[in-house]
Amino acid sequence: MQWFSTREKEITIYIPKLINYSPIFDDESQRNELKNAFTESLNLEMAQKASETVTILYDGDNVVRYSDGDKETYLDLDQSSKNEITNMIKEKLYTENNLKFKKWLSTNKFTFDPYKKNMVVIDTVFSVKKNLIFSEDYRLKAKLIKKDLKWTVYKNNWKVEKRD
């Protein structure tokens, strides 16, 4: 049995926020579990037959996006956000710590805080230019939050340490 006669370019599924006015339930603390349930319940094989790209949105937030075999979830930052955060970090390192960023030394630099919707936790190692030839390694621990469409440090959660 064939469900779709043509393959769509993109399918977007909008799921409204589950509204619960009872004080016995704490919907916000289970938000990620709901998103995981939506992600896991999608029949990926059928979705790939139906469309090139399938996106699921919950309460206006991107939950998951499948595009030609690639999966991007709400736990992943999009490339523009990664670039914006990296540029903000470079600027802050230079102005506040007098360090000229060279490159990241660890791969998984940014992760979402599981309890805050728009917060990114950073615990990573990077190198800075010491002089023309040599560099030094530093560790950055920080929390960033998206406020007024801009990534900023959350409540002085910014710590830079030189590595031995």
Protein backbone atom coordinates (compact mmCIF):
# COMPACT_ATOMS: atom_id res chain seq x y z
CA MET A 1 0.00 0.00 0.00
CA GLN A 2 1.34 3.42 -0.94
CA TRP A 3 0.32 6.31 1.30
CA PHE A 4 1.72 9.10 -0.85
CA SER A 5 1.47 9.42 -4.62
CA THR A 6 4.10 12.18 -4.80
CA ARG A 7 7.01 13.11 -2.59
CA GLU A 8 6.65 16.52 -0.99
CA LYS A 9 9.59 18.89 -0.67
CA GLU A 10 8.93 19.62 3.00
CA ILE A 11 6.46 18.58 5.67
CA THR A 12 6.15 20.58 8.88
CA ILE A 13 4.19 19.20 11.82
CA TYR A 14 3.05 21.79 14.37
CA ILE A 15 2.18 20.50 17.83
CA PRO A 16 0.67 23.15 20.14
CA LYS A 17 1.74 23.43 23.77
CA LEU A 18 -0.17 21.13 26.05
CA ILE A 19 -1.94 23.54 28.36
CA ASN A 20 -2.63 22.38 31.86
CA TYR A 21 -3.98 24.82 34.45
CA SER A 22 -3.79 22.40 37.36
CA PRO A 23 -1.04 23.21 39.90
CA ILE A 24 -0.47 19.47 40.45
CA PHE A 25 1.35 19.14 37.13
CA ASP A 26 4.65 20.74 36.23
CA ASP A 27 4.57 20.70 32.43
CA GLU A 28 7.73 22.78 31.94
CA SER A 29 10.04 20.35 33.76
CA GLN A 30 8.91 17.55 31.43
CA ARG A 31 9.22 19.61 28.24
CA ASN A 32 12.29 17.71 26.98
CA GLU A 33 10.64 14.36 27.63
CA LEU A 34 7.68 15.45 25.50
CA LYS A 35 10.05 16.53 22.72
CA ASN A 36 11.86 13.19 22.94
CA ALA A 37 8.55 11.35 22.69
CA PHE A 38 7.63 13.30 19.54
CA THR A 39 11.06 12.60 18.06
CA GLU A 40 10.96 8.89 18.81
CA SER A 41 7.37 8.39 17.65
CA LEU A 42 8.01 9.56 14.09
CA ASN A 43 8.05 6.72 11.58
CA LEU A 44 11.27 7.75 9.86
CA GLU A 45 10.97 5.27 7.00
CA MET A 46 7.51 6.52 6.08
CA ALA A 47 8.53 10.16 6.56
CA GLN A 48 11.47 9.75 4.16
CA LYS A 49 9.15 8.31 1.54
CA ALA A 50 6.74 11.21 1.99
CA SER A 51 9.16 14.13 1.94
CA GLU A 52 12.73 15.34 1.51
CA THR A 53 12.49 17.24 4.80
CA VAL A 54 10.30 16.60 7.83
CA THR A 55 10.21 19.11 10.70
CA ILE A 56 8.37 18.76 14.01
CA LEU A 57 7.66 21.88 16.05
CA TYR A 58 6.32 21.88 19.62
CA ASP A 59 5.04 25.16 21.04
CA GLY A 60 6.86 26.96 18.22
CA ASP A 61 10.24 25.38 19.07
CA ASN A 62 12.10 23.11 16.67
CA VAL A 63 12.02 19.56 18.06
CA VAL A 64 13.54 17.58 15.21
CA ARG A 65 14.29 18.02 11.54
CA TYR A 66 15.08 15.17 9.17
CA SER A 67 16.53 16.20 5.85
CA ASP A 68 17.78 13.59 3.36
CA GLY A 69 18.97 11.23 6.09
CA ASP A 70 20.44 13.89 8.39
CA LYS A 71 18.84 14.38 11.80
CA GLU A 72 18.98 17.69 13.69
CA THR A 73 17.25 17.84 17.08
CA TYR A 74 16.40 20.54 19.60
CA LEU A 75 19.53 19.42 21.47
CA ASP A 76 21.70 20.57 18.57
CA LEU A 77 22.58 24.18 17.85
CA ASP A 78 22.16 25.32 14.29
CA GLN A 79 25.27 26.55 12.49
CA SER A 80 24.33 30.24 12.69
CA SER A 81 23.95 29.98 16.49
CA LYS A 82 27.30 28.17 16.76
CA ASN A 83 28.95 30.93 14.72
CA GLU A 84 27.27 33.65 16.79
CA ILE A 85 28.39 32.02 20.06
CA THR A 86 31.95 31.47 18.79
CA ASN A 87 32.23 35.11 17.72
CA MET A 88 30.88 36.30 21.07
CA ILE A 89 33.39 34.06 22.90
CA LYS A 90 36.30 35.33 20.80
CA GLU A 91 35.36 38.93 21.50
CA LYS A 92 34.86 38.35 25.23
CA LEU A 93 38.15 36.43 25.55
CA TYR A 94 39.98 39.30 23.89
CA THR A 95 38.33 42.17 25.77
CA GLU A 96 38.06 40.62 29.24
CA ASN A 97 40.90 38.09 29.36
CA ASN A 98 43.33 39.61 26.83
CA LEU A 99 43.48 36.29 24.94
CA LYS A 100 43.53 35.97 21.16
CA PHE A 101 41.56 32.84 20.24
CA LYS A 102 43.29 30.46 17.82
CA LYS A 103 41.18 27.27 17.61
CA TRP A 104 38.98 24.82 19.50
CA LEU A 105 40.76 21.70 20.79
CA SER A 106 37.63 19.74 21.72
CA THR A 107 34.80 18.76 19.40
CA ASN A 108 31.58 18.92 21.45
CA LYS A 109 31.80 22.51 22.64
CA PHE A 110 28.18 23.48 23.22
CA THR A 111 25.37 21.54 24.92
CA PHE A 112 21.94 22.68 26.02
CA ASP A 113 21.18 22.89 29.72
CA PRO A 114 18.51 20.20 30.28
CA TYR A 115 16.53 22.44 32.65
CA LYS A 116 16.62 25.79 30.83
CA LYS A 117 15.13 26.18 27.38
CA ASN A 118 17.51 28.77 25.90
CA MET A 119 20.70 28.09 27.87
CA VAL A 120 23.91 26.66 26.45
CA VAL A 121 26.57 25.11 28.68
CA ILE A 122 30.17 25.34 27.51
CA ASP A 123 32.98 23.23 28.93
CA THR A 124 35.73 23.11 26.36
CA VAL A 125 39.42 23.54 25.67
CA PHE A 126 40.86 26.00 23.18
CA SER A 127 44.25 27.38 22.23
CA VAL A 128 45.39 30.98 22.00
CA LYS A 129 48.26 32.59 20.16
CA LYS A 130 51.12 33.31 22.54
CA ASN A 131 53.50 34.60 19.89
CA LEU A 132 54.32 33.91 16.27
CA ILE A 133 55.13 30.22 16.81
CA PHE A 134 53.81 29.09 20.20
CA SER A 135 50.33 28.76 21.62
CA GLU A 136 48.85 28.02 25.05
CA ASP A 137 45.83 25.92 25.98
CA TYR A 138 42.96 27.19 28.13
CA ARG A 139 39.73 25.73 29.46
CA LEU A 140 36.49 27.70 29.24
CA LYS A 141 33.52 26.94 31.46
CA ALA A 142 30.51 29.13 30.84
CA LYS A 143 26.75 29.31 30.62
CA LEU A 144 25.16 31.42 27.91
CA ILE A 145 21.55 32.40 27.53
CA LYS A 146 19.74 33.83 24.53
CA LYS A 147 18.34 37.19 25.61
CA ASP A 148 16.93 39.82 23.26
CA LEU A 149 18.00 37.68 20.27
CA LYS A 150 21.63 37.74 21.45
CA TRP A 151 23.79 35.19 23.32
CA THR A 152 25.06 36.58 26.64
CA VAL A 153 26.81 35.19 29.72
CA TYR A 154 24.32 33.94 32.32
CA LYS A 155 24.82 35.36 35.84
CA ASN A 156 28.64 35.66 35.68
CA ASN A 157 29.07 32.01 34.64
CA TRP A 158 32.34 32.62 32.80
CA LYS A 159 35.58 30.98 33.91
CA VAL A 160 38.82 30.79 31.92
CA GLU A 161 41.72 28.70 33.26
CA LYS A 162 45.15 28.09 31.82
CA ARG A 163 45.90 24.38 31.33
CA ASP A 164 49.20 22.88 32.38
